[in-house]
Structures are given as structure tokens and as C-alpha cells.
Amino acid sequence: MPRLALIAAVAQNGTIGRDNALPWRLRDDLKRFKALTLGHPVVMGRKTWESLGRPLPGRRNIVVTRQPGLVLEGAEVVHSLDEALAGCNDADTVFVIGGAQLYREALGRADALYLTEVGADVEGDAHFPPIGDAGFREVARESHAAGEGNEHPFSFVDYIRA
């Protein structure tokens, strides 16, 4: 069974999105996302797929949807997280990349979290589930100031299941 990891950028108030888009510009977060997920399957909900506008190159794109018969060019369509994971037995790590509903469903099964903690409260309509009682411990933290290409201060924080 592959290792299940969730990767997200999360504001101090839990916001991860607004109007099906990221509500900030963090160039270094996007670089880290690419570095961590490249070569691995990425599992996402349909709205996250739509927000990307195209398949993520160098990754197996798997979209979870309730819509029967949905066909998406460049992605495998499945109807549950279980179905997505069952098709990834050959992978060492599978990344859940959003959205909020899929994060909620996957959190209890995840082995690791790769979070970018955004140093701001940001209004939004999509939120990451609270991780306080989810059984994770922090294993790495790297803090960065706001600057060119990075709208807010942020920290890369890695958690593993305790």
C-alpha cells in the first residue's frame, strides 16, 4: 500500500481557497509543490482539477468525482478515494492535492502532511480540516519572510502520523 500524503497551503484561519482559486501568490510554495509531487500520482477533486485548467505534467492525475460518465482529457476519473488509492499500488507515495472535501476524507488515513502555513488570515470559501486531534507530529519547519513572488510570510511544515 502506498504512503498517503496530503499537501496544501493553509492560511492561519484554515483557508485554502476562494472562488476555486488560491487566494495568494506564493512562488516558493508552488516550487515546493512541484518538487514534492513530481513523479507521483496526485489525487484531486473535480473542482481542484477545474481550477488547474490542465493536467499536472510529470504526474499521474486522478480526479475523484460523483459525476457518472465524466471524461477528462489527461486524467483518470474515479468515484471514491478508495478507488483512487486502489489503482496506485505500484506507487511509493500518493499525494492528495485538494480540495477541502477530499482533504477531510483523507486526513484520517494520511501518513504525512506537507503544509505551507501562510502567515495571514485570508478570506475564503474552502478550508483545510483542523489537524489538532488527528494524530500527527511536526518533524520539520522552515520559515520564510514575504518577498519577491511571495505575498505573505510562510513556513513549510512537515508532519508524520505519530
Protein backbone atom coordinates (compact mmCIF):
# COMPACT_ATOMS: atom_id res chain seq x y z
CA MET A 1 0.00 0.00 0.00
CA PRO A 2 1.48 3.39 -0.93
CA ARG A 3 2.16 6.10 1.60
CA LEU A 4 -0.66 8.68 1.60
CA ALA A 5 0.38 12.33 1.89
CA LEU A 6 -1.69 15.50 1.89
CA ILE A 7 -0.12 18.66 0.51
CA ALA A 8 -1.69 22.10 0.90
CA ALA A 9 -1.07 25.77 1.56
CA VAL A 10 -3.18 26.84 4.55
CA ALA A 11 -3.81 30.31 5.98
CA GLN A 12 -3.79 30.87 9.76
CA ASN A 13 -7.60 30.71 9.74
CA GLY A 14 -7.64 27.45 7.74
CA THR A 15 -8.45 28.97 4.35
CA ILE A 16 -7.11 27.07 1.35
CA GLY A 17 -9.14 28.63 -1.44
CA ARG A 18 -11.53 31.28 -2.64
CA ASP A 19 -13.72 31.11 -5.75
CA ASN A 20 -11.94 27.91 -6.84
CA ALA A 21 -8.50 29.55 -6.80
CA LEU A 22 -5.59 30.09 -4.42
CA PRO A 23 -6.19 33.39 -2.58
CA TRP A 24 -2.49 34.35 -2.50
CA ARG A 25 0.66 34.32 -4.57
CA LEU A 26 3.48 32.23 -3.09
CA ARG A 27 6.01 31.35 -5.77
CA ASP A 28 8.16 29.27 -3.41
CA ASP A 29 5.14 27.21 -2.35
CA LEU A 30 4.44 26.35 -5.99
CA LYS A 31 8.09 25.31 -6.46
CA ARG A 32 7.92 23.06 -3.38
CA PHE A 33 4.62 21.56 -4.53
CA LYS A 34 6.18 20.64 -7.87
CA ALA A 35 9.37 19.26 -6.29
CA LEU A 36 7.45 17.03 -3.86
CA THR A 37 4.74 15.76 -6.22
CA LEU A 38 6.68 15.29 -9.47
CA GLY A 39 6.73 11.62 -10.45
CA HIS A 40 3.96 10.67 -8.02
CA PRO A 41 0.22 10.18 -8.52
CA VAL A 42 -1.83 13.22 -7.48
CA VAL A 43 -5.44 12.76 -6.37
CA MET A 44 -7.80 15.70 -6.51
CA GLY A 45 -11.47 16.56 -6.54
CA ARG A 46 -13.20 17.76 -9.70
CA LYS A 47 -13.21 21.42 -8.63
CA THR A 48 -9.46 21.32 -8.00
CA TRP A 49 -9.00 19.79 -11.46
CA GLU A 50 -11.06 22.61 -12.97
CA SER A 51 -9.03 25.23 -11.10
CA LEU A 52 -5.79 23.85 -12.59
CA GLY A 53 -7.08 24.08 -16.14
CA ARG A 54 -4.79 21.28 -17.37
CA PRO A 55 -3.18 18.06 -16.20
CA LEU A 56 -0.13 18.50 -14.00
CA PRO A 57 2.83 17.33 -16.10
CA GLY A 58 5.07 14.54 -14.86
CA ARG A 59 2.39 13.20 -12.55
CA ARG A 60 -0.45 10.73 -12.84
CA ASN A 61 -3.57 12.91 -12.45
CA ILE A 62 -6.51 11.18 -10.74
CA VAL A 63 -9.80 13.03 -10.29
CA VAL A 64 -12.42 11.93 -7.76
CA THR A 65 -15.97 12.89 -8.71
CA ARG A 66 -19.54 11.82 -8.08
CA GLN A 67 -20.48 12.59 -11.69
CA PRO A 68 -21.12 9.33 -13.55
CA GLY A 69 -19.62 9.09 -17.01
CA LEU A 70 -17.33 12.11 -16.62
CA VAL A 71 -14.36 12.01 -19.02
CA LEU A 72 -11.43 14.38 -18.53
CA GLU A 73 -8.57 14.60 -21.01
CA GLY A 74 -5.28 13.90 -19.27
CA ALA A 75 -6.81 12.48 -16.09
CA GLU A 76 -8.12 9.21 -14.75
CA VAL A 77 -11.63 9.61 -13.35
CA VAL A 78 -12.66 7.63 -10.27
CA HIS A 79 -15.61 7.85 -7.92
CA SER A 80 -14.03 7.50 -4.48
CA LEU A 81 -10.77 7.97 -2.63
CA ASP A 82 -10.65 4.19 -2.13
CA GLU A 83 -10.87 3.65 -5.89
CA ALA A 84 -8.12 6.21 -6.48
CA LEU A 85 -5.79 4.56 -3.96
CA ALA A 86 -6.57 1.03 -5.16
CA GLY A 87 -5.21 1.97 -8.57
CA CYS A 88 -1.92 3.26 -7.14
CA ASN A 89 -0.44 0.14 -5.55
CA ASP A 90 2.70 0.49 -7.67
CA ALA A 91 3.45 3.98 -6.27
CA ASP A 92 5.52 4.64 -3.16
CA THR A 93 3.64 7.86 -2.28
CA VAL A 94 0.28 9.23 -3.41
CA PHE A 95 -0.45 12.93 -2.87
CA VAL A 96 -3.92 14.33 -2.19
CA ILE A 97 -3.79 17.89 -3.54
CA GLY A 98 -7.31 19.14 -2.77
CA GLY A 99 -9.90 20.26 -2.35
CA ALA A 100 -11.43 20.70 1.04
CA GLN A 101 -13.82 17.74 0.84
CA LEU A 102 -11.10 15.32 -0.25
CA TYR A 103 -8.72 16.61 2.45
CA ARG A 104 -11.41 15.95 5.09
CA GLU A 105 -11.93 12.43 3.80
CA ALA A 106 -8.21 11.61 3.51
CA LEU A 107 -6.91 13.20 6.73
CA GLY A 108 -7.70 10.21 8.95
CA ARG A 109 -5.85 7.87 6.57
CA ALA A 110 -2.85 10.06 5.78
CA ASP A 111 0.68 9.08 6.74
CA ALA A 112 2.14 12.55 6.20
CA LEU A 113 1.16 16.19 5.72
CA TYR A 114 3.22 18.70 3.76
CA LEU A 115 1.77 22.07 4.64
CA THR A 116 2.71 25.58 3.72
CA GLU A 117 1.42 27.59 6.66
CA VAL A 118 0.62 31.05 5.30
CA GLY A 119 1.27 33.79 7.85
CA ALA A 120 -2.01 35.62 7.31
CA ASP A 121 -5.75 35.31 7.88
CA VAL A 122 -7.26 35.16 4.41
CA GLU A 123 -10.93 35.18 3.47
CA GLY A 124 -12.02 32.12 1.60
CA ASP A 125 -14.73 29.56 0.96
CA ALA A 126 -12.61 26.39 1.20
CA HIS A 127 -10.84 25.31 4.39
CA PHE A 128 -8.37 22.63 5.45
CA PRO A 129 -9.65 20.37 8.23
CA PRO A 130 -8.21 21.00 11.71
CA ILE A 131 -5.27 18.69 12.43
CA GLY A 132 -5.05 19.23 16.20
CA ASP A 133 -6.51 15.85 17.20
CA ALA A 134 -5.65 13.94 14.02
CA GLY A 135 -2.58 12.21 15.46
CA PHE A 136 0.27 13.98 13.66
CA ARG A 137 3.55 15.33 14.96
CA GLU A 138 5.64 18.05 13.40
CA VAL A 139 9.01 16.81 12.09
CA ALA A 140 10.30 19.80 10.10
CA ARG A 141 9.68 23.55 9.85
CA GLU A 142 11.32 26.09 7.56
CA SER A 143 10.16 29.72 7.86
CA HIS A 144 10.35 32.37 5.14
CA ALA A 145 9.64 36.09 5.02
CA ALA A 146 7.38 37.70 2.44
CA GLY A 147 9.35 38.92 -0.54
CA GLU A 148 9.58 38.83 -4.29
CA GLY A 149 6.93 36.43 -5.58
CA ASN A 150 5.76 35.62 -2.05
CA GLU A 151 2.88 37.81 -0.92
CA HIS A 152 2.86 36.68 2.74
CA PRO A 153 5.36 35.20 5.18
CA PHE A 154 5.06 31.41 5.28
CA SER A 155 6.51 28.23 6.73
CA PHE A 156 6.98 24.84 5.14
CA VAL A 157 5.87 22.37 7.83
CA ASP A 158 6.06 18.58 7.56
CA TYR A 159 4.04 16.26 9.79
CA ILE A 160 4.00 12.49 10.13
CA ARG A 161 1.48 10.27 11.84
CA ALA A 162 2.53 9.88 15.47
